[in-house]
Structure formats: structure tokens, C-alpha cells
Amino acid sequence: MSEAEPSRVLSSSVLVLNRFYLAVHVITVRRAFILLYRDCAEVIHIEDGQYLNYDFQSWCDLSAMRALEKLPHEDWVRAVHSEIQVPRIVRLLRYDRVPRKTLRFNRRNIFARDGNRCQYCGRSLPANQLSLDHVMPRSRGGETSWDNVVCSCVTCNTKKGGRTPQEAHMHLMSQPAEPKTNPILAMKLTNPKYHCWKDFLPTASAAVDLG
């Protein structure tokens, strides 16, 4: 395992359920282990089609037994004397709040909705080379909303300036709208390691907090 590998694993994602098994957050593995160690959460793990519950100690014991027969798509972290399997789902033992009703409107979700692709020229770029553009400029009454903000590269944003796309002779690749599901979660679910999340996300995926 390289030096970068433990950091990558600890920064990967864990789905968090409230006490009533409703998905409410996505957190890092590092944060999940802290919650488990403090007895604030338990692991939810699928075995033979059943969901089983483990506290931190019993999860460590199970990991010790499973360490010699690791399966594809599993992640592991090394402790002082053993390895611990990374949980994919944890349940908070004293958290009753229900998921929010709407998807959080922010830069990260706009980029994810648009696939990190400039909606004018179509180029896919890293997030640090992208910006947000108001289709109807704010200077002309345009709202900061799902229906009026798109992902744009800096070049296209500068070219458009304070004009509408029609005035700038630019064309939108798609009409902006609020996503029906959380675009970041949708991308994660294409990864086999997160397939176990699917049973908990159909009705909550749009509102799960990735902050």
C-alpha cells in the first residue's frame, strides 16, 4: 500500500442513516470511524442479503476474521495490530432528524449536474477551471437559481459577459433545471463499492447532505 493509499481510503465516502434508517448525510471514512469509536453510530453491513448491525468492537472482530479473504471493491485501513474493513453505511444511534426536502443549491452540485462541462462550448474541465454563469445576467434581473445558473469555462463566461446567450451568439447545451436526484450521489452509485447504498436512496437521494 502506497503512502497516498491510506489517505485516499480515509477520505472516501460512507453513507449515514438516521435512527430510523433514512439516509441523511455522506461523510468521510475518517469521520465514520470517529463516530463508531465514540459509540455514536453502528455499522450496517450486508451479509447474504440481510442487513446486520455491528458496534465498533464487533466490527473490528468481524474484520479480523475477514482479513484473510478480502473481496473486490472492499477498502481496508491498518490499525496498530490489525486491519479494519471500511464500512460503507453507518447508522446514527441518537439522530432523529429527517432528510431535507430539497437539494442544496451550491457550486459543487451545479458542476455535478452539468457533468463539469461548460454549457456553452462543451469542454469538460477540472472544477478549478470552471465558473458559474447566470444565463440571464444578474444585472438584468436574472435570479441565482437552478433554472438560471450553469457551469461555464472562464473563457466562455468572459465572452458572454453581461449579455444573454442569444445576444452573445452562444448556445446552451441543455436548459438548466433543478435535478430530481442528487447528481453527486448518482455518480457515486456507478462505483461498485457504493452499490449497497441503493436500497436507502430512492426517496432521499435528492436531499442527502454531502457537506
N, C-alpha and C. Protein backbone atom coordinates (compact mmCIF):
# COMPACT_ATOMS: atom_id res chain seq x y z
N MET A 1 0.85 -1.19 0.00
CA MET A 1 0.00 0.00 0.00
C MET A 1 0.88 1.24 0.00
N SER A 2 0.67 2.17 -0.93
CA SER A 2 1.49 3.36 -1.03
C SER A 2 1.15 4.33 0.09
N GLU A 3 1.99 5.38 0.26
CA GLU A 3 1.75 6.36 1.29
C GLU A 3 0.45 7.11 1.03
N ALA A 4 0.09 7.29 -0.24
CA ALA A 4 -1.12 8.03 -0.58
C ALA A 4 -2.37 7.19 -0.37
N GLU A 5 -2.22 5.87 -0.36
CA GLU A 5 -3.39 5.00 -0.29
C GLU A 5 -4.19 5.16 1.00
N PRO A 6 -3.57 5.14 2.20
CA PRO A 6 -4.37 5.32 3.41
C PRO A 6 -5.15 6.63 3.41
N SER A 7 -4.55 7.70 2.92
CA SER A 7 -5.24 8.98 2.87
C SER A 7 -6.43 8.92 1.93
N ARG A 8 -6.27 8.25 0.80
CA ARG A 8 -7.36 8.12 -0.17
C ARG A 8 -8.52 7.34 0.44
N VAL A 9 -8.21 6.24 1.10
CA VAL A 9 -9.25 5.41 1.71
C VAL A 9 -9.99 6.18 2.80
N LEU A 10 -9.26 6.86 3.67
CA LEU A 10 -9.89 7.59 4.77
C LEU A 10 -10.72 8.77 4.29
N SER A 11 -10.45 9.23 3.06
CA SER A 11 -11.22 10.35 2.50
C SER A 11 -12.38 9.88 1.63
N SER A 12 -12.53 8.57 1.44
CA SER A 12 -13.64 8.07 0.64
C SER A 12 -14.94 8.19 1.43
N SER A 13 -16.05 7.76 0.85
CA SER A 13 -17.37 8.12 1.36
C SER A 13 -18.07 6.99 2.12
N VAL A 14 -18.85 7.41 3.11
CA VAL A 14 -19.70 6.50 3.89
C VAL A 14 -21.09 7.13 3.97
N LEU A 15 -22.11 6.33 3.68
CA LEU A 15 -23.49 6.82 3.78
C LEU A 15 -23.94 6.76 5.24
N VAL A 16 -24.58 7.83 5.69
CA VAL A 16 -25.05 7.92 7.08
C VAL A 16 -26.57 7.87 7.11
N LEU A 17 -27.10 6.97 7.94
CA LEU A 17 -28.54 6.87 8.17
C LEU A 17 -28.89 7.46 9.53
N ASN A 18 -30.08 8.00 9.64
CA ASN A 18 -30.53 8.42 10.97
C ASN A 18 -31.04 7.20 11.75
N ARG A 19 -31.57 7.43 12.92
CA ARG A 19 -32.00 6.32 13.78
C ARG A 19 -33.10 5.48 13.13
N PHE A 20 -33.82 6.12 12.19
CA PHE A 20 -34.94 5.43 11.53
C PHE A 20 -34.54 4.86 10.17
N TYR A 21 -33.23 4.74 9.92
CA TYR A 21 -32.70 4.14 8.69
C TYR A 21 -32.99 4.97 7.44
N LEU A 22 -33.12 6.28 7.61
CA LEU A 22 -33.26 7.19 6.46
C LEU A 22 -31.91 7.83 6.17
N ALA A 23 -31.51 7.87 4.91
CA ALA A 23 -30.22 8.46 4.53
C ALA A 23 -30.26 9.97 4.72
N VAL A 24 -29.26 10.49 5.45
CA VAL A 24 -29.24 11.93 5.75
C VAL A 24 -27.93 12.62 5.39
N HIS A 25 -26.82 11.89 5.37
CA HIS A 25 -25.52 12.51 5.11
C HIS A 25 -24.63 11.55 4.33
N VAL A 26 -23.58 12.11 3.73
CA VAL A 26 -22.43 11.33 3.27
C VAL A 26 -21.21 11.96 3.91
N ILE A 27 -20.42 11.15 4.60
CA ILE A 27 -19.25 11.64 5.31
C ILE A 27 -18.02 10.84 4.89
N THR A 28 -16.86 11.25 5.38
CA THR A 28 -15.63 10.52 5.07
C THR A 28 -15.49 9.30 5.97
N VAL A 29 -14.67 8.37 5.54
CA VAL A 29 -14.36 7.20 6.36
C VAL A 29 -13.74 7.63 7.68
N ARG A 30 -12.89 8.61 7.64
CA ARG A 30 -12.25 9.10 8.88
C ARG A 30 -13.30 9.54 9.89
N ARG A 31 -14.29 10.32 9.45
CA ARG A 31 -15.35 10.78 10.34
C ARG A 31 -16.21 9.61 10.83
N ALA A 32 -16.46 8.64 9.95
CA ALA A 32 -17.27 7.48 10.32
C ALA A 32 -16.60 6.69 11.44
N PHE A 33 -15.29 6.49 11.36
CA PHE A 33 -14.60 5.75 12.42
C PHE A 33 -14.65 6.49 13.75
N ILE A 34 -14.61 7.81 13.71
CA ILE A 34 -14.71 8.58 14.96
C ILE A 34 -16.08 8.36 15.60
N LEU A 35 -17.13 8.39 14.79
CA LEU A 35 -18.48 8.17 15.30
C LEU A 35 -18.63 6.76 15.87
N LEU A 36 -18.06 5.79 15.19
CA LEU A 36 -18.13 4.41 15.66
C LEU A 36 -17.37 4.24 16.98
N TYR A 37 -16.18 4.79 17.04
CA TYR A 37 -15.35 4.66 18.24
C TYR A 37 -16.01 5.30 19.45
N ARG A 38 -16.75 6.40 19.23
CA ARG A 38 -17.43 7.11 20.31
C ARG A 38 -18.81 6.53 20.64
N ASP A 39 -19.15 5.41 19.99
CA ASP A 39 -20.46 4.77 20.20
C ASP A 39 -21.62 5.69 19.83
N CYS A 40 -21.38 6.55 18.84
CA CYS A 40 -22.45 7.41 18.33
C CYS A 40 -23.14 6.77 17.13
N ALA A 41 -22.54 5.71 16.58
CA ALA A 41 -23.07 5.08 15.38
C ALA A 41 -22.72 3.61 15.39
N GLU A 42 -23.39 2.87 14.51
CA GLU A 42 -23.09 1.46 14.31
C GLU A 42 -22.97 1.19 12.81
N VAL A 43 -22.29 0.13 12.46
CA VAL A 43 -22.14 -0.26 11.06
C VAL A 43 -23.37 -1.03 10.60
N ILE A 44 -23.84 -0.71 9.40
CA ILE A 44 -24.88 -1.51 8.73
C ILE A 44 -24.18 -2.24 7.59
N HIS A 45 -24.20 -3.57 7.64
CA HIS A 45 -23.42 -4.36 6.68
C HIS A 45 -24.31 -5.44 6.07
N ILE A 46 -24.18 -5.63 4.75
CA ILE A 46 -24.98 -6.63 4.05
C ILE A 46 -24.24 -7.97 4.06
N GLU A 47 -24.93 -8.99 4.56
CA GLU A 47 -24.39 -10.35 4.54
C GLU A 47 -25.49 -11.31 4.12
N ASP A 48 -25.27 -12.01 3.01
CA ASP A 48 -26.26 -12.98 2.50
C ASP A 48 -27.63 -12.33 2.30
N GLY A 49 -27.61 -11.10 1.80
CA GLY A 49 -28.86 -10.41 1.51
C GLY A 49 -29.54 -9.79 2.71
N GLN A 50 -28.94 -9.89 3.89
CA GLN A 50 -29.52 -9.32 5.10
C GLN A 50 -28.67 -8.16 5.60
N TYR A 51 -29.33 -7.18 6.23
CA TYR A 51 -28.62 -6.06 6.82
C TYR A 51 -28.37 -6.36 8.30
N LEU A 52 -27.10 -6.40 8.69
CA LEU A 52 -26.73 -6.70 10.07
C LEU A 52 -26.08 -5.47 10.71
N ASN A 53 -26.23 -5.36 12.04
CA ASN A 53 -25.75 -4.21 12.78
C ASN A 53 -24.53 -4.61 13.63
N TYR A 54 -23.51 -3.75 13.62
CA TYR A 54 -22.29 -4.02 14.39
C TYR A 54 -21.86 -2.75 15.12
N ASP A 55 -21.53 -2.87 16.39
CA ASP A 55 -20.87 -1.75 17.06
C ASP A 55 -19.39 -1.79 16.69
N PHE A 56 -18.62 -0.83 17.20
CA PHE A 56 -17.23 -0.72 16.77
C PHE A 56 -16.43 -1.98 17.09
N GLN A 57 -16.58 -2.50 18.31
CA GLN A 57 -15.78 -3.66 18.70
C GLN A 57 -16.16 -4.90 17.90
N SER A 58 -17.45 -5.13 17.70
CA SER A 58 -17.84 -6.32 16.94
C SER A 58 -17.46 -6.17 15.46
N TRP A 59 -17.41 -4.94 14.97
CA TRP A 59 -16.96 -4.72 13.59
C TRP A 59 -15.46 -5.01 13.47
N CYS A 60 -14.70 -4.62 14.47
CA CYS A 60 -13.26 -4.94 14.49
C CYS A 60 -13.06 -6.45 14.54
N ASP A 61 -13.86 -7.14 15.34
CA ASP A 61 -13.75 -8.59 15.45
C ASP A 61 -14.09 -9.26 14.12
N LEU A 62 -15.15 -8.79 13.47
CA LEU A 62 -15.52 -9.34 12.17
C LEU A 62 -14.43 -9.08 11.14
N SER A 63 -13.85 -7.90 11.17
CA SER A 63 -12.77 -7.56 10.24
C SER A 63 -11.59 -8.50 10.40
N ALA A 64 -11.27 -8.84 11.64
CA ALA A 64 -10.15 -9.75 11.90
C ALA A 64 -10.40 -11.11 11.26
N MET A 65 -11.64 -11.55 11.25
CA MET A 65 -11.96 -12.84 10.65
C MET A 65 -11.98 -12.78 9.13
N ARG A 66 -12.33 -11.62 8.59
CA ARG A 66 -12.47 -11.48 7.14
C ARG A 66 -11.18 -11.04 6.45
N ALA A 67 -10.18 -10.65 7.22
CA ALA A 67 -8.98 -10.04 6.65
C ALA A 67 -8.23 -10.96 5.70
N LEU A 68 -8.33 -12.26 5.90
CA LEU A 68 -7.60 -13.20 5.05
C LEU A 68 -8.33 -13.51 3.75
N GLU A 69 -9.58 -13.09 3.63
CA GLU A 69 -10.37 -13.36 2.43
C GLU A 69 -11.06 -12.08 1.96
N LYS A 70 -10.26 -11.10 1.62
CA LYS A 70 -10.79 -9.81 1.20
C LYS A 70 -11.44 -9.94 -0.18
N LEU A 71 -12.54 -9.22 -0.36
CA LEU A 71 -13.28 -9.26 -1.61
C LEU A 71 -13.00 -8.01 -2.45
N PRO A 72 -13.24 -8.09 -3.77
CA PRO A 72 -13.07 -6.91 -4.62
C PRO A 72 -13.96 -5.76 -4.14
N HIS A 73 -13.48 -4.56 -4.36
CA HIS A 73 -14.20 -3.33 -4.03
C HIS A 73 -14.24 -3.03 -2.53
N GLU A 74 -13.63 -3.86 -1.71
CA GLU A 74 -13.53 -3.55 -0.29
C GLU A 74 -12.31 -2.67 -0.04
N ASP A 75 -12.41 -1.78 0.93
CA ASP A 75 -11.27 -0.97 1.37
C ASP A 75 -10.95 -1.35 2.81
N TRP A 76 -9.68 -1.27 3.14
CA TRP A 76 -9.22 -1.62 4.49
C TRP A 76 -8.25 -0.57 5.00
N VAL A 77 -8.25 -0.37 6.30
CA VAL A 77 -7.27 0.52 6.92
C VAL A 77 -6.51 -0.27 7.97
N ARG A 78 -5.25 0.06 8.12
CA ARG A 78 -4.40 -0.68 9.06
C ARG A 78 -4.39 0.01 10.41
N ALA A 79 -4.74 -0.74 11.46
CA ALA A 79 -4.64 -0.25 12.84
C ALA A 79 -3.29 -0.70 13.40
N VAL A 80 -3.11 -0.54 14.69
CA VAL A 80 -1.82 -0.86 15.30
C VAL A 80 -1.50 -2.34 15.15
N HIS A 81 -2.48 -3.22 15.44
CA HIS A 81 -2.21 -4.65 15.44
C HIS A 81 -3.02 -5.42 14.40
N SER A 82 -3.86 -4.75 13.64
CA SER A 82 -4.72 -5.47 12.70
C SER A 82 -5.21 -4.52 11.61
N GLU A 83 -6.01 -5.08 10.71
CA GLU A 83 -6.66 -4.28 9.68
C GLU A 83 -8.16 -4.24 9.95
N ILE A 84 -8.77 -3.11 9.62
CA ILE A 84 -10.22 -2.94 9.80
C ILE A 84 -10.85 -2.65 8.45
N GLN A 85 -11.92 -3.37 8.14
CA GLN A 85 -12.62 -3.13 6.89
C GLN A 85 -13.36 -1.80 6.97
N VAL A 86 -13.32 -1.05 5.87
CA VAL A 86 -14.03 0.22 5.80
C VAL A 86 -15.53 -0.03 5.65
N PRO A 87 -16.35 0.50 6.55
CA PRO A 87 -17.80 0.34 6.38
C PRO A 87 -18.31 1.25 5.26
N ARG A 88 -19.37 0.83 4.60
CA ARG A 88 -19.97 1.66 3.56
C ARG A 88 -21.19 2.42 4.07
N ILE A 89 -21.81 1.89 5.14
CA ILE A 89 -23.01 2.51 5.70
C ILE A 89 -22.91 2.49 7.22
N VAL A 90 -23.20 3.62 7.86
CA VAL A 90 -23.31 3.66 9.32
C VAL A 90 -24.65 4.27 9.69
N ARG A 91 -25.14 3.90 10.85
CA ARG A 91 -26.43 4.40 11.36
C ARG A 91 -26.19 5.14 12.67
N LEU A 92 -26.65 6.39 12.72
CA LEU A 92 -26.53 7.18 13.95
C LEU A 92 -27.53 6.67 14.97
N LEU A 93 -27.08 6.50 16.21
CA LEU A 93 -27.92 5.89 17.24
C LEU A 93 -28.85 6.88 17.93
N ARG A 94 -28.53 8.18 17.85
CA ARG A 94 -29.34 9.17 18.56
C ARG A 94 -29.64 10.38 17.68
N TYR A 95 -29.88 10.15 16.41
CA TYR A 95 -30.16 11.25 15.47
C TYR A 95 -31.48 10.96 14.78
N ASP A 96 -32.49 11.81 15.05
CA ASP A 96 -33.84 11.56 14.56
C ASP A 96 -34.25 12.44 13.38
N ARG A 97 -33.45 13.44 13.05
CA ARG A 97 -33.87 14.37 12.01
C ARG A 97 -34.06 13.66 10.67
N VAL A 98 -35.02 14.14 9.91
CA VAL A 98 -35.30 13.55 8.60
C VAL A 98 -34.55 14.34 7.53
N PRO A 99 -34.36 13.75 6.34
CA PRO A 99 -33.64 14.47 5.27
C PRO A 99 -34.35 15.76 4.89
N ARG A 100 -33.57 16.72 4.39
CA ARG A 100 -34.16 17.94 3.87
C ARG A 100 -35.04 17.62 2.66
N LYS A 101 -35.95 18.55 2.34
CA LYS A 101 -36.90 18.32 1.26
C LYS A 101 -36.31 18.61 -0.12
N THR A 102 -35.31 19.46 -0.17
CA THR A 102 -34.77 19.87 -1.47
C THR A 102 -33.25 19.72 -1.51
N LEU A 103 -32.73 19.62 -2.70
CA LEU A 103 -31.30 19.52 -2.91
C LEU A 103 -30.63 20.87 -2.65
N ARG A 104 -29.52 20.84 -1.95
CA ARG A 104 -28.80 22.07 -1.65
C ARG A 104 -28.30 22.73 -2.94
N PHE A 105 -28.59 24.01 -3.10
CA PHE A 105 -28.12 24.76 -4.26
C PHE A 105 -26.73 25.31 -3.95
N ASN A 106 -25.71 24.75 -4.60
CA ASN A 106 -24.36 25.26 -4.40
C ASN A 106 -23.50 24.97 -5.62
N ARG A 107 -22.31 25.48 -5.61
CA ARG A 107 -21.39 25.38 -6.74
C ARG A 107 -21.10 23.92 -7.10
N ARG A 108 -20.84 23.11 -6.08
CA ARG A 108 -20.47 21.72 -6.33
C ARG A 108 -21.61 20.95 -7.01
N ASN A 109 -22.85 21.20 -6.56
CA ASN A 109 -23.98 20.49 -7.17
C ASN A 109 -24.29 20.99 -8.58
N ILE A 110 -24.06 22.27 -8.84
CA ILE A 110 -24.23 22.79 -10.20
C ILE A 110 -23.22 22.12 -11.13
N PHE A 111 -21.95 22.06 -10.70
CA PHE A 111 -20.93 21.42 -11.54
C PHE A 111 -21.28 19.96 -11.79
N ALA A 112 -21.74 19.26 -10.73
CA ALA A 112 -22.09 17.84 -10.88
C ALA A 112 -23.28 17.67 -11.81
N ARG A 113 -24.30 18.53 -11.66
CA ARG A 113 -25.46 18.45 -12.55
C ARG A 113 -25.05 18.56 -14.01
N ASP A 114 -24.10 19.47 -14.29
CA ASP A 114 -23.67 19.72 -15.66
C ASP A 114 -22.47 18.86 -16.07
N GLY A 115 -22.09 17.91 -15.21
CA GLY A 115 -21.01 16.99 -15.54
C GLY A 115 -19.66 17.65 -15.70
N ASN A 116 -19.42 18.75 -14.98
CA ASN A 116 -18.16 19.51 -15.08
C ASN A 116 -17.88 19.90 -16.53
N ARG A 117 -18.94 20.16 -17.27
CA ARG A 117 -18.83 20.51 -18.69
C ARG A 117 -19.38 21.91 -18.91
N CYS A 118 -18.60 22.75 -19.59
CA CYS A 118 -19.07 24.08 -19.94
C CYS A 118 -20.33 23.95 -20.79
N GLN A 119 -21.38 24.65 -20.39
CA GLN A 119 -22.65 24.53 -21.09
C GLN A 119 -22.73 25.38 -22.35
N TYR A 120 -21.62 26.02 -22.69
CA TYR A 120 -21.56 26.79 -23.93
C TYR A 120 -20.66 26.15 -24.98
N CYS A 121 -19.45 25.79 -24.58
CA CYS A 121 -18.52 25.20 -25.56
C CYS A 121 -18.43 23.68 -25.45
N GLY A 122 -18.92 23.11 -24.35
CA GLY A 122 -18.96 21.66 -24.21
C GLY A 122 -17.69 21.03 -23.66
N ARG A 123 -16.69 21.84 -23.31
CA ARG A 123 -15.45 21.27 -22.80
C ARG A 123 -15.61 20.76 -21.37
N SER A 124 -15.04 19.58 -21.08
CA SER A 124 -15.00 19.05 -19.73
C SER A 124 -13.69 19.49 -19.09
N LEU A 125 -13.77 20.12 -17.92
CA LEU A 125 -12.61 20.70 -17.28
C LEU A 125 -12.62 20.41 -15.78
N PRO A 126 -11.43 20.49 -15.13
CA PRO A 126 -11.41 20.37 -13.67
C PRO A 126 -12.19 21.51 -13.04
N ALA A 127 -12.70 21.27 -11.83
CA ALA A 127 -13.54 22.27 -11.17
C ALA A 127 -12.84 23.61 -11.00
N ASN A 128 -11.50 23.58 -10.80
CA ASN A 128 -10.79 24.85 -10.59
C ASN A 128 -10.64 25.67 -11.87
N GLN A 129 -11.08 25.10 -13.00
CA GLN A 129 -11.04 25.85 -14.26
C GLN A 129 -12.45 26.19 -14.75
N LEU A 130 -13.43 26.01 -13.86
CA LEU A 130 -14.81 26.29 -14.23
C LEU A 130 -15.37 27.41 -13.35
N SER A 131 -16.43 28.03 -13.83
CA SER A 131 -17.11 29.08 -13.07
C SER A 131 -18.61 28.92 -13.24
N LEU A 132 -19.36 29.76 -12.57
CA LEU A 132 -20.82 29.76 -12.71
C LEU A 132 -21.24 30.96 -13.54
N ASP A 133 -22.21 30.74 -14.43
CA ASP A 133 -22.72 31.83 -15.25
C ASP A 133 -24.23 31.95 -15.08
N HIS A 134 -24.70 33.17 -14.94
CA HIS A 134 -26.13 33.44 -14.94
C HIS A 134 -26.59 33.59 -16.39
N VAL A 135 -27.47 32.70 -16.83
CA VAL A 135 -27.94 32.75 -18.22
C VAL A 135 -28.56 34.11 -18.51
N MET A 136 -29.52 34.51 -17.71
CA MET A 136 -30.00 35.90 -17.73
C MET A 136 -29.17 36.65 -16.71
N PRO A 137 -28.34 37.59 -17.12
CA PRO A 137 -27.41 38.25 -16.19
C PRO A 137 -28.11 38.85 -14.98
N ARG A 138 -27.41 38.80 -13.85
CA ARG A 138 -27.96 39.38 -12.63
C ARG A 138 -28.22 40.87 -12.80
N SER A 139 -27.39 41.55 -13.59
CA SER A 139 -27.56 42.99 -13.81
C SER A 139 -28.87 43.31 -14.51
N ARG A 140 -29.49 42.28 -15.06
CA ARG A 140 -30.76 42.48 -15.78
C ARG A 140 -31.90 41.70 -15.12
N GLY A 141 -31.71 41.41 -13.83
CA GLY A 141 -32.78 40.78 -13.05
C GLY A 141 -32.72 39.28 -13.00
N GLY A 142 -31.67 38.66 -13.54
CA GLY A 142 -31.55 37.21 -13.51
C GLY A 142 -31.39 36.68 -12.10
N GLU A 143 -32.09 35.59 -11.77
CA GLU A 143 -32.04 35.03 -10.43
C GLU A 143 -30.88 34.05 -10.28
N THR A 144 -30.43 33.91 -9.04
CA THR A 144 -29.44 32.88 -8.72
C THR A 144 -30.21 31.63 -8.33
N SER A 145 -30.53 30.80 -9.32
CA SER A 145 -31.39 29.65 -9.11
C SER A 145 -30.98 28.51 -10.05
N TRP A 146 -31.52 27.32 -9.78
CA TRP A 146 -31.23 26.17 -10.64
C TRP A 146 -31.58 26.45 -12.10
N ASP A 147 -32.62 27.25 -12.34
CA ASP A 147 -33.11 27.48 -13.70
C ASP A 147 -32.35 28.57 -14.45
N ASN A 148 -31.41 29.23 -13.75
CA ASN A 148 -30.73 30.35 -14.41
C ASN A 148 -29.21 30.32 -14.26
N VAL A 149 -28.67 29.29 -13.61
CA VAL A 149 -27.22 29.22 -13.41
C VAL A 149 -26.68 27.95 -14.05
N VAL A 150 -25.59 28.09 -14.78
CA VAL A 150 -24.97 26.94 -15.46
C VAL A 150 -23.47 26.94 -15.22
N CYS A 151 -22.89 25.79 -15.45
CA CYS A 151 -21.44 25.62 -15.41
C CYS A 151 -20.84 26.22 -16.69
N SER A 152 -19.79 27.00 -16.53
CA SER A 152 -19.17 27.64 -17.69
C SER A 152 -17.66 27.70 -17.51
N CYS A 153 -16.95 27.55 -18.59
CA CYS A 153 -15.50 27.77 -18.51
C CYS A 153 -15.25 29.28 -18.43
N VAL A 154 -14.09 29.65 -17.97
CA VAL A 154 -13.77 31.07 -17.78
C VAL A 154 -13.80 31.80 -19.11
N THR A 155 -13.33 31.16 -20.16
CA THR A 155 -13.29 31.80 -21.48
C THR A 155 -14.69 32.16 -21.96
N CYS A 156 -15.62 31.20 -21.87
CA CYS A 156 -16.99 31.45 -22.32
C CYS A 156 -17.70 32.45 -21.42
N ASN A 157 -17.41 32.39 -20.13
CA ASN A 157 -18.03 33.33 -19.20
C ASN A 157 -17.60 34.75 -19.53
N THR A 158 -16.32 34.91 -19.82
CA THR A 158 -15.81 36.24 -20.17
C THR A 158 -16.38 36.71 -21.51
N LYS A 159 -16.47 35.80 -22.46
CA LYS A 159 -17.01 36.15 -23.78
C LYS A 159 -18.46 36.58 -23.70
N LYS A 160 -19.24 35.89 -22.89
CA LYS A 160 -20.66 36.21 -22.76
C LYS A 160 -20.87 37.53 -22.02
N GLY A 161 -20.08 37.73 -20.97
CA GLY A 161 -20.19 38.97 -20.22
C GLY A 161 -21.57 39.20 -19.66
N GLY A 162 -22.08 40.41 -19.79
CA GLY A 162 -23.38 40.77 -19.26
C GLY A 162 -24.50 40.64 -20.25
N ARG A 163 -24.33 39.76 -21.24
CA ARG A 163 -25.34 39.57 -22.27
C ARG A 163 -26.08 38.25 -22.08
N THR A 164 -27.17 38.08 -22.78
CA THR A 164 -27.85 36.79 -22.82
C THR A 164 -27.11 35.92 -23.84
N PRO A 165 -27.30 34.61 -23.80
CA PRO A 165 -26.66 33.76 -24.81
C PRO A 165 -27.01 34.17 -26.24
N GLN A 166 -28.26 34.54 -26.46
CA GLN A 166 -28.67 34.95 -27.81
C GLN A 166 -27.92 36.19 -28.27
N GLU A 167 -27.78 37.16 -27.36
CA GLU A 167 -27.08 38.39 -27.70
C GLU A 167 -25.60 38.13 -27.97
N ALA A 168 -25.04 37.13 -27.28
CA ALA A 168 -23.61 36.81 -27.45
C ALA A 168 -23.39 35.78 -28.55
N HIS A 169 -24.48 35.35 -29.22
CA HIS A 169 -24.41 34.32 -30.27
C HIS A 169 -23.79 33.03 -29.74
N MET A 170 -24.26 32.66 -28.54
CA MET A 170 -23.82 31.42 -27.90
C MET A 170 -25.05 30.56 -27.61
N HIS A 171 -24.86 29.26 -27.59
CA HIS A 171 -25.98 28.34 -27.42
C HIS A 171 -25.75 27.45 -26.21
N LEU A 172 -26.78 27.31 -25.40
CA LEU A 172 -26.72 26.40 -24.26
C LEU A 172 -26.82 24.95 -24.72
N MET A 173 -25.99 24.07 -24.10
CA MET A 173 -26.06 22.65 -24.43
C MET A 173 -27.35 22.02 -23.92
N SER A 174 -27.86 22.50 -22.77
CA SER A 174 -29.11 21.99 -22.21
C SER A 174 -29.74 23.09 -21.37
N GLN A 175 -31.04 23.01 -21.20
CA GLN A 175 -31.74 24.00 -20.40
C GLN A 175 -31.55 23.70 -18.93
N PRO A 176 -31.07 24.65 -18.14
CA PRO A 176 -30.82 24.37 -16.72
C PRO A 176 -32.12 24.14 -15.95
N ALA A 177 -32.09 23.21 -15.01
CA ALA A 177 -33.24 22.90 -14.18
C ALA A 177 -32.77 22.23 -12.90
N GLU A 178 -33.60 22.22 -11.88
CA GLU A 178 -33.25 21.55 -10.63
C GLU A 178 -33.24 20.05 -10.83
N PRO A 179 -32.16 19.36 -10.42
CA PRO A 179 -32.10 17.89 -10.59
C PRO A 179 -33.14 17.20 -9.71
N LYS A 180 -33.66 16.09 -10.21
CA LYS A 180 -34.61 15.30 -9.43
C LYS A 180 -33.89 14.42 -8.41
N THR A 181 -32.63 14.10 -8.67
CA THR A 181 -31.82 13.33 -7.74
C THR A 181 -30.49 14.04 -7.56
N ASN A 182 -29.79 13.70 -6.49
CA ASN A 182 -28.51 14.32 -6.21
C ASN A 182 -27.48 13.88 -7.25
N PRO A 183 -26.95 14.80 -8.05
CA PRO A 183 -26.04 14.40 -9.14
C PRO A 183 -24.74 13.79 -8.66
N ILE A 184 -24.25 14.21 -7.50
CA ILE A 184 -23.01 13.64 -6.98
C ILE A 184 -23.24 12.20 -6.53
N LEU A 185 -24.37 11.95 -5.86
CA LEU A 185 -24.69 10.59 -5.46
C LEU A 185 -24.89 9.70 -6.68
N ALA A 186 -25.52 10.24 -7.71
CA ALA A 186 -25.74 9.45 -8.92
C ALA A 186 -24.42 8.97 -9.50
N MET A 187 -23.41 9.83 -9.48
CA MET A 187 -22.09 9.43 -9.98
C MET A 187 -21.46 8.38 -9.08
N LYS A 188 -21.61 8.53 -7.76
CA LYS A 188 -21.03 7.57 -6.83
C LYS A 188 -21.64 6.18 -7.01
N LEU A 189 -22.94 6.14 -7.29
CA LEU A 189 -23.62 4.85 -7.39
C LEU A 189 -23.18 4.04 -8.59
N THR A 190 -22.46 4.65 -9.52
CA THR A 190 -21.90 3.88 -10.64
C THR A 190 -20.66 3.10 -10.21
N ASN A 191 -20.13 3.41 -9.03
CA ASN A 191 -18.96 2.71 -8.49
C ASN A 191 -19.44 1.49 -7.71
N PRO A 192 -18.98 0.28 -8.04
CA PRO A 192 -19.46 -0.94 -7.35
C PRO A 192 -19.32 -0.90 -5.83
N LYS A 193 -18.36 -0.16 -5.31
CA LYS A 193 -18.18 -0.15 -3.86
C LYS A 193 -19.35 0.53 -3.13
N TYR A 194 -20.14 1.33 -3.87
CA TYR A 194 -21.26 2.03 -3.24
C TYR A 194 -22.62 1.46 -3.65
N HIS A 195 -22.65 0.31 -4.30
CA HIS A 195 -23.92 -0.28 -4.72
C HIS A 195 -24.84 -0.57 -3.54
N CYS A 196 -24.26 -0.85 -2.37
CA CYS A 196 -25.07 -1.17 -1.20
C CYS A 196 -25.88 0.03 -0.71
N TRP A 197 -25.58 1.23 -1.21
CA TRP A 197 -26.35 2.41 -0.82
C TRP A 197 -27.73 2.44 -1.45
N LYS A 198 -27.91 1.73 -2.56
CA LYS A 198 -29.10 1.95 -3.39
C LYS A 198 -30.40 1.72 -2.65
N ASP A 199 -30.46 0.74 -1.77
CA ASP A 199 -31.70 0.44 -1.06
C ASP A 199 -32.13 1.58 -0.15
N PHE A 200 -31.20 2.47 0.22
CA PHE A 200 -31.52 3.54 1.16
C PHE A 200 -31.72 4.90 0.47
N LEU A 201 -31.54 4.96 -0.85
CA LEU A 201 -31.52 6.26 -1.51
C LEU A 201 -32.69 6.62 -2.41
N PRO A 202 -33.57 5.72 -2.81
CA PRO A 202 -34.59 6.10 -3.80
C PRO A 202 -35.39 7.35 -3.47
N THR A 203 -35.80 7.51 -2.20
CA THR A 203 -36.63 8.67 -1.87
C THR A 203 -35.85 9.79 -1.24
N ALA A 204 -34.60 9.55 -0.86
CA ALA A 204 -33.85 10.58 -0.12
C ALA A 204 -32.66 11.11 -0.90
N SER A 205 -32.37 10.55 -2.06
CA SER A 205 -31.12 10.88 -2.73
C SER A 205 -30.99 12.34 -3.08
N ALA A 206 -32.09 13.02 -3.38
CA ALA A 206 -32.00 14.42 -3.77
C ALA A 206 -31.63 15.31 -2.59
N ALA A 207 -31.93 14.87 -1.37
CA ALA A 207 -31.77 15.74 -0.23
C ALA A 207 -30.62 15.33 0.69
N VAL A 208 -29.95 14.23 0.41
CA VAL A 208 -28.85 13.81 1.26
C VAL A 208 -27.74 14.86 1.25
N ASP A 209 -27.27 15.21 2.43
CA ASP A 209 -26.28 16.27 2.57
C ASP A 209 -24.88 15.73 2.38
N LEU A 210 -24.17 16.24 1.36
CA LEU A 210 -22.79 15.83 1.14
C LEU A 210 -21.81 16.84 1.70
N GLY A 211 -22.31 17.79 2.44
CA GLY A 211 -21.43 18.80 3.01
C GLY A 211 -20.64 18.25 4.16
